[in-house]
Every structure is written in C-alpha cells, then in structure tokens.
Amino acid sequence: MSFLPVIMAGGTGSRLWPLSREYHPKQFLSVEGKLSMLQNTIKRLASLSTEEPVVICNDRHRFLVAEQLREIDKLANNIILEPVGRNTAPAIRSCRVLCAPEC
C-alpha cells in the first residue's frame, strides 16, 4: 500500500518576523544551510517509496514553490493553490477531493 504525502506550505510565518514576510514566509526561507524547509521536506520524502508529494500553498506563493522545486530538480506537477488561506482542514479537504475522488 502506498501513501500520498501532502505538504501544507501555506501560512505567513508571522512569528518568525522580520525574516519571514507575507510574500516570502518561513517555509521558503533557507534557515539552516542552503535549502528551504520546503526543499528539505521534499528531499526527505525522496528516500521513501511513495507517490509524488502534493504541495498545498497560497496562490501568491505559486512561483516560489515552482522555483524551489526546480532548484532541487523536482517537477511541480502536484501543486494545489488556495485562493485564500483558511486553515488546515480546508486545505486537507481540497487535497482529498482533488487527489482521491474515488475515496
């Protein structure tokens, strides 16, 4: 049985201000080393036998996500864009509806 990793990369990261900003939140920052938290998460998943991960992010961060995935040679095929950040439950529900409609 395989599983579908879901990476929730939404949010503003306001508690990490001034490093984290509205258009460049903490999940896209290189806090330790060269890679961002998003990139490190994607690379850790590469060692597992899973489907390609789904990244859920705010619409305004779509280019950041695509660029960061490109930097680590990963395709950006599975990105779900939220027009407005609402919380964790709507993000998970969107992924469930879009990625597993037969369930």
PDB file of N, CA and C in Angstrom:
ATOM      1  N   MET A   1       0.846  -1.181   0.000  1.00  0.00           N
ATOM      2  CA  MET A   1       0.000   0.000   0.000  1.00  0.00           C
ATOM      3  C   MET A   1       0.887   1.238   0.000  1.00  0.00           C
ATOM      4  N   SER A   2       0.649   2.128  -0.931  1.00  0.00           N
ATOM      5  CA  SER A   2       1.419   3.367  -0.962  1.00  0.00           C
ATOM      6  C   SER A   2       0.588   4.497  -0.359  1.00  0.00           C
ATOM      7  N   PHE A   3       1.260   5.550  -0.008  1.00  0.00           N
ATOM      8  CA  PHE A   3       0.535   6.695   0.514  1.00  0.00           C
ATOM      9  C   PHE A   3       0.951   7.952  -0.230  1.00  0.00           C
ATOM     10  N   LEU A   4       0.095   8.950  -0.155  1.00  0.00           N
ATOM     11  CA  LEU A   4       0.304  10.208  -0.848  1.00  0.00           C
ATOM     12  C   LEU A   4       0.752  11.259   0.163  1.00  0.00           C
ATOM     13  N   PRO A   5       2.019  11.668   0.111  1.00  0.00           N
ATOM     14  CA  PRO A   5       2.471  12.717   1.030  1.00  0.00           C
ATOM     15  C   PRO A   5       1.855  14.066   0.655  1.00  0.00           C
ATOM     16  N   VAL A   6       1.381  14.774   1.647  1.00  0.00           N
ATOM     17  CA  VAL A   6       0.809  16.103   1.439  1.00  0.00           C
ATOM     18  C   VAL A   6       1.620  17.090   2.271  1.00  0.00           C
ATOM     19  N   ILE A   7       2.158  18.094   1.599  1.00  0.00           N
ATOM     20  CA  ILE A   7       2.953  19.120   2.271  1.00  0.00           C
ATOM     21  C   ILE A   7       2.133  20.397   2.284  1.00  0.00           C
ATOM     22  N   MET A   8       1.767  20.820   3.468  1.00  0.00           N
ATOM     23  CA  MET A   8       1.000  22.054   3.592  1.00  0.00           C
ATOM     24  C   MET A   8       1.984  23.208   3.771  1.00  0.00           C
ATOM     25  N   ALA A   9       2.145  23.978   2.711  1.00  0.00           N
ATOM     26  CA  ALA A   9       3.124  25.068   2.693  1.00  0.00           C
ATOM     27  C   ALA A   9       2.427  26.421   2.664  1.00  0.00           C
ATOM     28  N   GLY A  10       1.282  26.495   3.297  1.00  0.00           N
ATOM     29  CA  GLY A  10       0.570  27.768   3.379  1.00  0.00           C
ATOM     30  C   GLY A  10       0.990  28.513   4.629  1.00  0.00           C
ATOM     31  N   GLY A  11       0.351  29.582   4.893  1.00  0.00           N
ATOM     32  CA  GLY A  11       0.641  30.362   6.086  1.00  0.00           C
ATOM     33  C   GLY A  11       1.642  31.466   5.822  1.00  0.00           C
ATOM     34  N   THR A  12       1.678  32.402   6.754  1.00  0.00           N
ATOM     35  CA  THR A  12       2.531  33.576   6.587  1.00  0.00           C
ATOM     36  C   THR A  12       3.805  33.511   7.402  1.00  0.00           C
ATOM     37  N   GLY A  13       3.865  32.640   8.383  1.00  0.00           N
ATOM     38  CA  GLY A  13       5.062  32.556   9.212  1.00  0.00           C
ATOM     39  C   GLY A  13       5.307  33.822  10.002  1.00  0.00           C
ATOM     40  N   SER A  14       4.242  34.456  10.451  1.00  0.00           N
ATOM     41  CA  SER A  14       4.350  35.764  11.100  1.00  0.00           C
ATOM     42  C   SER A  14       5.158  35.738  12.397  1.00  0.00           C
ATOM     43  N   ARG A  15       5.253  34.600  13.050  1.00  0.00           N
ATOM     44  CA  ARG A  15       6.014  34.546  14.305  1.00  0.00           C
ATOM     45  C   ARG A  15       7.520  34.555  14.072  1.00  0.00           C
ATOM     46  N   LEU A  16       7.943  34.415  12.824  1.00  0.00           N
ATOM     47  CA  LEU A  16       9.368  34.465  12.501  1.00  0.00           C
ATOM     48  C   LEU A  16       9.749  35.822  11.900  1.00  0.00           C
ATOM     49  N   TRP A  17       8.864  36.790  12.025  1.00  0.00           N
ATOM     50  CA  TRP A  17       9.156  38.136  11.550  1.00  0.00           C
ATOM     51  C   TRP A  17      10.371  38.657  12.310  1.00  0.00           C
ATOM     52  N   PRO A  18      11.294  39.348  11.738  1.00  0.00           N
ATOM     53  CA  PRO A  18      11.292  40.018  10.444  1.00  0.00           C
ATOM     54  C   PRO A  18      11.862  39.175   9.304  1.00  0.00           C
ATOM     55  N   LEU A  19      12.346  37.965   9.588  1.00  0.00           N
ATOM     56  CA  LEU A  19      12.862  37.130   8.498  1.00  0.00           C
ATOM     57  C   LEU A  19      11.752  36.715   7.547  1.00  0.00           C
ATOM     58  N   SER A  20      10.645  36.327   8.115  1.00  0.00           N
ATOM     59  CA  SER A  20       9.510  35.835   7.337  1.00  0.00           C
ATOM     60  C   SER A  20       8.583  37.000   7.010  1.00  0.00           C
ATOM     61  N   ARG A  21       8.220  37.107   5.745  1.00  0.00           N
ATOM     62  CA  ARG A  21       7.332  38.181   5.295  1.00  0.00           C
ATOM     63  C   ARG A  21       6.119  37.594   4.592  1.00  0.00           C
ATOM     64  N   GLU A  22       5.132  38.418   4.339  1.00  0.00           N
ATOM     65  CA  GLU A  22       3.887  37.951   3.722  1.00  0.00           C
ATOM     66  C   GLU A  22       4.130  37.252   2.388  1.00  0.00           C
ATOM     67  N   TYR A  23       5.019  37.797   1.583  1.00  0.00           N
ATOM     68  CA  TYR A  23       5.265  37.210   0.267  1.00  0.00           C
ATOM     69  C   TYR A  23       6.476  36.281   0.241  1.00  0.00           C
ATOM     70  N   HIS A  24       7.104  36.089   1.370  1.00  0.00           N
ATOM     71  CA  HIS A  24       8.227  35.141   1.464  1.00  0.00           C
ATOM     72  C   HIS A  24       8.235  34.537   2.877  1.00  0.00           C
ATOM     73  N   PRO A  25       7.231  33.692   3.179  1.00  0.00           N
ATOM     74  CA  PRO A  25       7.098  33.135   4.527  1.00  0.00           C
ATOM     75  C   PRO A  25       8.167  32.096   4.863  1.00  0.00           C
ATOM     76  N   LYS A  26       8.171  31.698   6.113  1.00  0.00           N
ATOM     77  CA  LYS A  26       9.257  30.877   6.660  1.00  0.00           C
ATOM     78  C   LYS A  26       9.496  29.568   5.927  1.00  0.00           C
ATOM     79  N   GLN A  27       8.469  28.945   5.374  1.00  0.00           N
ATOM     80  CA  GLN A  27       8.672  27.660   4.706  1.00  0.00           C
ATOM     81  C   GLN A  27       9.522  27.780   3.448  1.00  0.00           C
ATOM     82  N   PHE A  28       9.731  28.999   2.962  1.00  0.00           N
ATOM     83  CA  PHE A  28      10.541  29.223   1.766  1.00  0.00           C
ATOM     84  C   PHE A  28      11.907  29.819   2.085  1.00  0.00           C
ATOM     85  N   LEU A  29      12.197  30.021   3.366  1.00  0.00           N
ATOM     86  CA  LEU A  29      13.483  30.588   3.781  1.00  0.00           C
ATOM     87  C   LEU A  29      14.525  29.496   3.956  1.00  0.00           C
ATOM     88  N   SER A  30      15.760  29.845   3.676  1.00  0.00           N
ATOM     89  CA  SER A  30      16.883  28.948   3.967  1.00  0.00           C
ATOM     90  C   SER A  30      17.357  29.284   5.374  1.00  0.00           C
ATOM     91  N   VAL A  31      16.823  28.581   6.343  1.00  0.00           N
ATOM     92  CA  VAL A  31      17.123  28.880   7.738  1.00  0.00           C
ATOM     93  C   VAL A  31      18.456  28.282   8.151  1.00  0.00           C
ATOM     94  N   GLU A  32      18.701  27.062   7.740  1.00  0.00           N
ATOM     95  CA  GLU A  32      19.933  26.370   8.101  1.00  0.00           C
ATOM     96  C   GLU A  32      20.466  25.702   6.836  1.00  0.00           C
ATOM     97  N   GLY A  33      21.612  26.113   6.374  1.00  0.00           N
ATOM     98  CA  GLY A  33      22.142  25.542   5.141  1.00  0.00           C
ATOM     99  C   GLY A  33      21.625  26.283   3.920  1.00  0.00           C
ATOM    100  N   LYS A  34      21.623  25.607   2.784  1.00  0.00           N
ATOM    101  CA  LYS A  34      21.232  26.241   1.526  1.00  0.00           C
ATOM    102  C   LYS A  34      19.773  26.023   1.163  1.00  0.00           C
ATOM    103  N   LEU A  35      19.176  24.966   1.657  1.00  0.00           N
ATOM    104  CA  LEU A  35      17.815  24.613   1.253  1.00  0.00           C
ATOM    105  C   LEU A  35      16.774  25.176   2.210  1.00  0.00           C
ATOM    106  N   SER A  36      15.594  25.446   1.664  1.00  0.00           N
ATOM    107  CA  SER A  36      14.482  25.914   2.490  1.00  0.00           C
ATOM    108  C   SER A  36      13.839  24.724   3.206  1.00  0.00           C
ATOM    109  N   MET A  37      12.930  25.027   4.115  1.00  0.00           N
ATOM    110  CA  MET A  37      12.209  23.955   4.804  1.00  0.00           C
ATOM    111  C   MET A  37      11.389  23.130   3.810  1.00  0.00           C
ATOM    112  N   LEU A  38      10.791  23.785   2.831  1.00  0.00           N
ATOM    113  CA  LEU A  38      10.042  23.062   1.798  1.00  0.00           C
ATOM    114  C   LEU A  38      10.962  22.126   1.022  1.00  0.00           C
ATOM    115  N   GLN A  39      12.100  22.619   0.590  1.00  0.00           N
ATOM    116  CA  GLN A  39      13.039  21.798  -0.174  1.00  0.00           C
ATOM    117  C   GLN A  39      13.561  20.629   0.651  1.00  0.00           C
ATOM    118  N   ASN A  40      13.884  20.874   1.911  1.00  0.00           N
ATOM    119  CA  ASN A  40      14.347  19.788   2.781  1.00  0.00           C
ATOM    120  C   ASN A  40      13.274  18.715   2.951  1.00  0.00           C
ATOM    121  N   THR A  41      12.036  19.130   3.088  1.00  0.00           N
ATOM    122  CA  THR A  41      10.939  18.171   3.234  1.00  0.00           C
ATOM    123  C   THR A  41      10.786  17.318   1.981  1.00  0.00           C
ATOM    124  N   ILE A  42      10.826  17.943   0.821  1.00  0.00           N
ATOM    125  CA  ILE A  42      10.717  17.212  -0.450  1.00  0.00           C
ATOM    126  C   ILE A  42      11.868  16.219  -0.589  1.00  0.00           C
ATOM    127  N   LYS A  43      13.069  16.632  -0.255  1.00  0.00           N
ATOM    128  CA  LYS A  43      14.230  15.744  -0.377  1.00  0.00           C
ATOM    129  C   LYS A  43      14.134  14.567   0.596  1.00  0.00           C
ATOM    130  N   ARG A  44      13.633  14.800   1.802  1.00  0.00           N
ATOM    131  CA  ARG A  44      13.461  13.692   2.758  1.00  0.00           C
ATOM    132  C   ARG A  44      12.456  12.673   2.233  1.00  0.00           C
ATOM    133  N   LEU A  45      11.414  13.143   1.584  1.00  0.00           N
ATOM    134  CA  LEU A  45      10.403  12.228   1.036  1.00  0.00           C
ATOM    135  C   LEU A  45      10.940  11.408  -0.127  1.00  0.00           C
ATOM    136  N   ALA A  46      11.955  11.904  -0.813  1.00  0.00           N
ATOM    137  CA  ALA A  46      12.507  11.202  -1.978  1.00  0.00           C
ATOM    138  C   ALA A  46      13.082   9.839  -1.604  1.00  0.00           C
ATOM    139  N   SER A  47      13.477   9.665  -0.356  1.00  0.00           N
ATOM    140  CA  SER A  47      14.062   8.390   0.068  1.00  0.00           C
ATOM    141  C   SER A  47      12.995   7.340   0.402  1.00  0.00           C
ATOM    142  N   LEU A  48      11.734   7.726   0.405  1.00  0.00           N
ATOM    143  CA  LEU A  48      10.645   6.802   0.719  1.00  0.00           C
ATOM    144  C   LEU A  48       9.967   6.310  -0.550  1.00  0.00           C
ATOM    145  N   SER A  49       9.336   5.170  -0.455  1.00  0.00           N
ATOM    146  CA  SER A  49       8.570   4.638  -1.588  1.00  0.00           C
ATOM    147  C   SER A  49       7.149   5.170  -1.502  1.00  0.00           C
ATOM    148  N   THR A  50       6.957   6.365  -2.029  1.00  0.00           N
ATOM    149  CA  THR A  50       5.641   6.994  -2.001  1.00  0.00           C
ATOM    150  C   THR A  50       5.317   7.548  -3.380  1.00  0.00           C
ATOM    151  N   GLU A  51       4.100   8.004  -3.515  1.00  0.00           N
ATOM    152  CA  GLU A  51       3.739   8.745  -4.713  1.00  0.00           C
ATOM    153  C   GLU A  51       4.407  10.119  -4.634  1.00  0.00           C
ATOM    154  N   GLU A  52       4.375  10.847  -5.759  1.00  0.00           N
ATOM    155  CA  GLU A  52       4.913  12.203  -5.745  1.00  0.00           C
ATOM    156  C   GLU A  52       4.113  13.039  -4.752  1.00  0.00           C
ATOM    157  N   PRO A  53       4.776  13.841  -3.930  1.00  0.00           N
ATOM    158  CA  PRO A  53       4.038  14.621  -2.937  1.00  0.00           C
ATOM    159  C   PRO A  53       3.179  15.711  -3.567  1.00  0.00           C
ATOM    160  N   VAL A  54       2.149  16.077  -2.846  1.00  0.00           N
ATOM    161  CA  VAL A  54       1.290  17.196  -3.210  1.00  0.00           C
ATOM    162  C   VAL A  54       1.677  18.358  -2.308  1.00  0.00           C
ATOM    163  N   VAL A  55       1.861  19.528  -2.897  1.00  0.00           N
ATOM    164  CA  VAL A  55       2.165  20.730  -2.125  1.00  0.00           C
ATOM    165  C   VAL A  55       0.936  21.628  -2.175  1.00  0.00           C
ATOM    166  N   ILE A  56       0.447  22.007  -0.999  1.00  0.00           N
ATOM    167  CA  ILE A  56      -0.676  22.936  -0.911  1.00  0.00           C
ATOM    168  C   ILE A  56      -0.115  24.273  -0.452  1.00  0.00           C
ATOM    169  N   CYS A  57      -0.386  25.321  -1.229  1.00  0.00           N
ATOM    170  CA  CYS A  57       0.135  26.638  -0.867  1.00  0.00           C
ATOM    171  C   CYS A  57      -0.840  27.723  -1.299  1.00  0.00           C
ATOM    172  N   ASN A  58      -0.588  28.913  -0.819  1.00  0.00           N
ATOM    173  CA  ASN A  58      -1.378  30.064  -1.210  1.00  0.00           C
ATOM    174  C   ASN A  58      -1.073  30.421  -2.652  1.00  0.00           C
ATOM    175  N   ASP A  59      -2.055  30.898  -3.356  1.00  0.00           N
ATOM    176  CA  ASP A  59      -1.904  31.260  -4.764  1.00  0.00           C
ATOM    177  C   ASP A  59      -0.753  32.246  -4.987  1.00  0.00           C
ATOM    178  N   ARG A  60      -0.552  33.156  -4.052  1.00  0.00           N
ATOM    179  CA  ARG A  60       0.504  34.161  -4.236  1.00  0.00           C
ATOM    180  C   ARG A  60       1.910  33.568  -4.124  1.00  0.00           C
ATOM    181  N   HIS A  61       2.023  32.332  -3.629  1.00  0.00           N
ATOM    182  CA  HIS A  61       3.337  31.692  -3.485  1.00  0.00           C
ATOM    183  C   HIS A  61       3.619  30.657  -4.568  1.00  0.00           C
ATOM    184  N   ARG A  62       2.757  30.566  -5.567  1.00  0.00           N
ATOM    185  CA  ARG A  62       2.896  29.513  -6.588  1.00  0.00           C
ATOM    186  C   ARG A  62       4.233  29.564  -7.306  1.00  0.00           C
ATOM    187  N   PHE A  63       4.733  30.765  -7.592  1.00  0.00           N
ATOM    188  CA  PHE A  63       6.005  30.862  -8.304  1.00  0.00           C
ATOM    189  C   PHE A  63       7.182  30.521  -7.393  1.00  0.00           C
ATOM    190  N   LEU A  64       7.071  30.859  -6.112  1.00  0.00           N
ATOM    191  CA  LEU A  64       8.104  30.471  -5.142  1.00  0.00           C
ATOM    192  C   LEU A  64       8.202  28.956  -5.045  1.00  0.00           C
ATOM    193  N   VAL A  65       7.060  28.287  -4.947  1.00  0.00           N
ATOM    194  CA  VAL A  65       7.047  26.826  -4.856  1.00  0.00           C
ATOM    195  C   VAL A  65       7.645  26.215  -6.116  1.00  0.00           C
ATOM    196  N   ALA A  66       7.197  26.666  -7.273  1.00  0.00           N
ATOM    197  CA  ALA A  66       7.705  26.115  -8.534  1.00  0.00           C
ATOM    198  C   ALA A  66       9.211  26.328  -8.659  1.00  0.00           C
ATOM    199  N   GLU A  67       9.693  27.500  -8.299  1.00  0.00           N
ATOM    200  CA  GLU A  67      11.127  27.792  -8.386  1.00  0.00           C
ATOM    201  C   GLU A  67      11.924  26.926  -7.415  1.00  0.00           C
ATOM    202  N   GLN A  68      11.426  26.791  -6.190  1.00  0.00           N
ATOM    203  CA  GLN A  68      12.161  25.991  -5.213  1.00  0.00           C
ATOM    204  C   GLN A  68      12.177  24.517  -5.592  1.00  0.00           C
ATOM    205  N   LEU A  69      11.118  24.015  -6.174  1.00  0.00           N
ATOM    206  CA  LEU A  69      11.120  22.627  -6.639  1.00  0.00           C
ATOM    207  C   LEU A  69      12.070  22.461  -7.825  1.00  0.00           C
ATOM    208  N   ARG A  70      12.098  23.440  -8.705  1.00  0.00           N
ATOM    209  CA  ARG A  70      13.008  23.389  -9.848  1.00  0.00           C
ATOM    210  C   ARG A  70      14.463  23.374  -9.380  1.00  0.00           C
ATOM    211  N   GLU A  71      14.772  24.131  -8.345  1.00  0.00           N
ATOM    212  CA  GLU A  71      16.140  24.198  -7.822  1.00  0.00           C
ATOM    213  C   GLU A  71      16.647  22.847  -7.335  1.00  0.00           C
ATOM    214  N   ILE A  72      15.751  21.977  -6.910  1.00  0.00           N
ATOM    215  CA  ILE A  72      16.171  20.647  -6.440  1.00  0.00           C
ATOM    216  C   ILE A  72      15.780  19.556  -7.440  1.00  0.00           C
ATOM    217  N   ASP A  73      15.539  19.960  -8.673  1.00  0.00           N
ATOM    218  CA  ASP A  73      15.225  19.041  -9.778  1.00  0.00           C
ATOM    219  C   ASP A  73      13.981  18.196  -9.531  1.00  0.00           C
ATOM    220  N   LYS A  74      12.971  18.795  -8.991  1.00  0.00           N
ATOM    221  CA  LYS A  74      11.681  18.130  -8.801  1.00  0.00           C
ATOM    222  C   LYS A  74      10.638  18.834  -9.657  1.00  0.00           C
ATOM    223  N   LEU A  75       9.745  18.052 -10.226  1.00  0.00           N
ATOM    224  CA  LEU A  75       8.686  18.632 -11.036  1.00  0.00           C
ATOM    225  C   LEU A  75       7.599  19.218 -10.151  1.00  0.00           C
ATOM    226  N   ALA A  76       6.962  20.233 -10.655  1.00  0.00           N
ATOM    227  CA  ALA A  76       5.899  20.894  -9.908  1.00  0.00           C
ATOM    228  C   ALA A  76       4.537  20.484 -10.457  1.00  0.00           C
ATOM    229  N   ASN A  77       4.306  19.184 -10.551  1.00  0.00           N
ATOM    230  CA  ASN A  77       3.051  18.685 -11.118  1.00  0.00           C
ATOM    231  C   ASN A  77       1.895  18.683 -10.133  1.00  0.00           C
ATOM    232  N   ASN A  78       2.199  18.552  -8.869  1.00  0.00           N
ATOM    233  CA  ASN A  78       1.159  18.361  -7.867  1.00  0.00           C
ATOM    234  C   ASN A  78       1.094  19.526  -6.889  1.00  0.00           C
ATOM    235  N   ILE A  79       0.687  20.674  -7.377  1.00  0.00           N
ATOM    236  CA  ILE A  79       0.550  21.846  -6.516  1.00  0.00           C
ATOM    237  C   ILE A  79      -0.921  22.236  -6.484  1.00  0.00           C
ATOM    238  N   ILE A  80      -1.459  22.348  -5.280  1.00  0.00           N
ATOM    239  CA  ILE A  80      -2.831  22.823  -5.099  1.00  0.00           C
ATOM    240  C   ILE A  80      -2.737  24.244  -4.569  1.00  0.00           C
ATOM    241  N   LEU A  81      -3.392  25.165  -5.261  1.00  0.00           N
ATOM    242  CA  LEU A  81      -3.344  26.576  -4.884  1.00  0.00           C
ATOM    243  C   LEU A  81      -4.599  26.965  -4.120  1.00  0.00           C
ATOM    244  N   GLU A  82      -4.396  27.582  -2.978  1.00  0.00           N
ATOM    245  CA  GLU A  82      -5.505  28.111  -2.191  1.00  0.00           C
ATOM    246  C   GLU A  82      -5.664  29.588  -2.533  1.00  0.00           C
ATOM    247  N   PRO A  83      -6.843  30.017  -2.952  1.00  0.00           N
ATOM    248  CA  PRO A  83      -7.015  31.442  -3.244  1.00  0.00           C
ATOM    249  C   PRO A  83      -6.912  32.290  -1.979  1.00  0.00           C
ATOM    250  N   VAL A  84      -7.367  31.726  -0.864  1.00  0.00           N
ATOM    251  CA  VAL A  84      -7.314  32.399   0.432  1.00  0.00           C
ATOM    252  C   VAL A  84      -6.996  31.350   1.478  1.00  0.00           C
ATOM    253  N   GLY A  85      -6.027  31.637   2.341  1.00  0.00           N
ATOM    254  CA  GLY A  85      -5.711  30.703   3.414  1.00  0.00           C
ATOM    255  C   GLY A  85      -6.829  30.679   4.441  1.00  0.00           C
ATOM    256  N   ARG A  86      -7.341  29.511   4.727  1.00  0.00           N
ATOM    257  CA  ARG A  86      -8.441  29.387   5.682  1.00  0.00           C
ATOM    258  C   ARG A  86      -8.057  28.620   6.940  1.00  0.00           C
ATOM    259  N   ASN A  87      -7.241  27.631   6.820  1.00  0.00           N
ATOM    260  CA  ASN A  87      -6.797  26.838   7.949  1.00  0.00           C
ATOM    261  C   ASN A  87      -6.416  25.466   7.418  1.00  0.00           C
ATOM    262  N   THR A  88      -6.092  24.566   8.325  1.00  0.00           N
ATOM    263  CA  THR A  88      -5.632  23.241   7.935  1.00  0.00           C
ATOM    264  C   THR A  88      -6.752  22.382   7.338  1.00  0.00           C
ATOM    265  N   ALA A  89      -7.913  22.378   7.948  1.00  0.00           N
ATOM    266  CA  ALA A  89      -8.997  21.497   7.499  1.00  0.00           C
ATOM    267  C   ALA A  89      -9.418  21.748   6.049  1.00  0.00           C
ATOM    268  N   PRO A  90      -9.646  22.985   5.619  1.00  0.00           N
ATOM    269  CA  PRO A  90      -9.999  23.189   4.208  1.00  0.00           C
ATOM    270  C   PRO A  90      -8.884  22.770   3.249  1.00  0.00           C
ATOM    271  N   ALA A  91      -7.636  22.946   3.650  1.00  0.00           N
ATOM    272  CA  ALA A  91      -6.515  22.528   2.795  1.00  0.00           C
ATOM    273  C   ALA A  91      -6.517  21.013   2.617  1.00  0.00           C
ATOM    274  N   ILE A  92      -6.714  20.288   3.702  1.00  0.00           N
ATOM    275  CA  ILE A  92      -6.746  18.825   3.631  1.00  0.00           C
ATOM    276  C   ILE A  92      -7.954  18.358   2.821  1.00  0.00           C
ATOM    277  N   ARG A  93      -9.080  18.988   3.015  1.00  0.00           N
ATOM    278  CA  ARG A  93     -10.291  18.630   2.268  1.00  0.00           C
ATOM    279  C   ARG A  93     -10.087  18.856   0.767  1.00  0.00           C
ATOM    280  N   SER A  94      -9.464  19.963   0.400  1.00  0.00           N
ATOM    281  CA  SER A  94      -9.184  20.236  -1.019  1.00  0.00           C
ATOM    282  C   SER A  94      -8.321  19.142  -1.616  1.00  0.00           C
ATOM    283  N   CYS A  95      -7.308  18.744  -0.890  1.00  0.00           N
ATOM    284  CA  CYS A  95      -6.418  17.686  -1.362  1.00  0.00           C
ATOM    285  C   CYS A  95      -7.184  16.379  -1.506  1.00  0.00           C
ATOM    286  N   ARG A  96      -7.988  16.058  -0.560  1.00  0.00           N
ATOM    287  CA  ARG A  96      -8.780  14.820  -0.579  1.00  0.00           C
ATOM    288  C   ARG A  96      -9.706  14.778  -1.791  1.00  0.00           C
ATOM    289  N   VAL A  97     -10.376  15.892  -2.058  1.00  0.00           N
ATOM    290  CA  VAL A  97     -11.319  15.959  -3.176  1.00  0.00           C
ATOM    291  C   VAL A  97     -10.589  15.899  -4.512  1.00  0.00           C
ATOM    292  N   LEU A  98      -9.471  16.612  -4.631  1.00  0.00           N
ATOM    293  CA  LEU A  98      -8.761  16.690  -5.906  1.00  0.00           C
ATOM    294  C   LEU A  98      -7.880  15.478  -6.197  1.00  0.00           C
ATOM    295  N   CYS A  99      -7.328  14.870  -5.159  1.00  0.00           N
ATOM    296  CA  CYS A  99      -6.347  13.798  -5.369  1.00  0.00           C
ATOM    297  C   CYS A  99      -6.904  12.396  -5.194  1.00  0.00           C
ATOM    298  N   ALA A 100      -8.006  12.256  -4.507  1.00  0.00           N
ATOM    299  CA  ALA A 100      -8.558  10.920  -4.272  1.00  0.00           C
ATOM    300  C   ALA A 100     -10.073  10.943  -4.414  1.00  0.00           C
ATOM    301  N   PRO A 101     -10.579  11.310  -5.591  1.00  0.00           N
ATOM    302  CA  PRO A 101     -12.038  11.425  -5.735  1.00  0.00           C
ATOM    303  C   PRO A 101     -12.784  10.105  -5.586  1.00  0.00           C
ATOM    304  N   GLU A 102     -12.097   8.980  -5.768  1.00  0.00           N
ATOM    305  CA  GLU A 102     -12.775   7.692  -5.650  1.00  0.00           C
ATOM    306  C   GLU A 102     -12.987   7.269  -4.205  1.00  0.00           C
ATOM    307  N   CYS A 103     -12.357   7.925  -3.254  1.00  0.00           N
ATOM    308  CA  CYS A 103     -12.499   7.560  -1.833  1.00  0.00           C
ATOM    309  C   CYS A 103     -13.765   8.129  -1.238  1.00  0.00           C
TER     310      CYS A 103
END
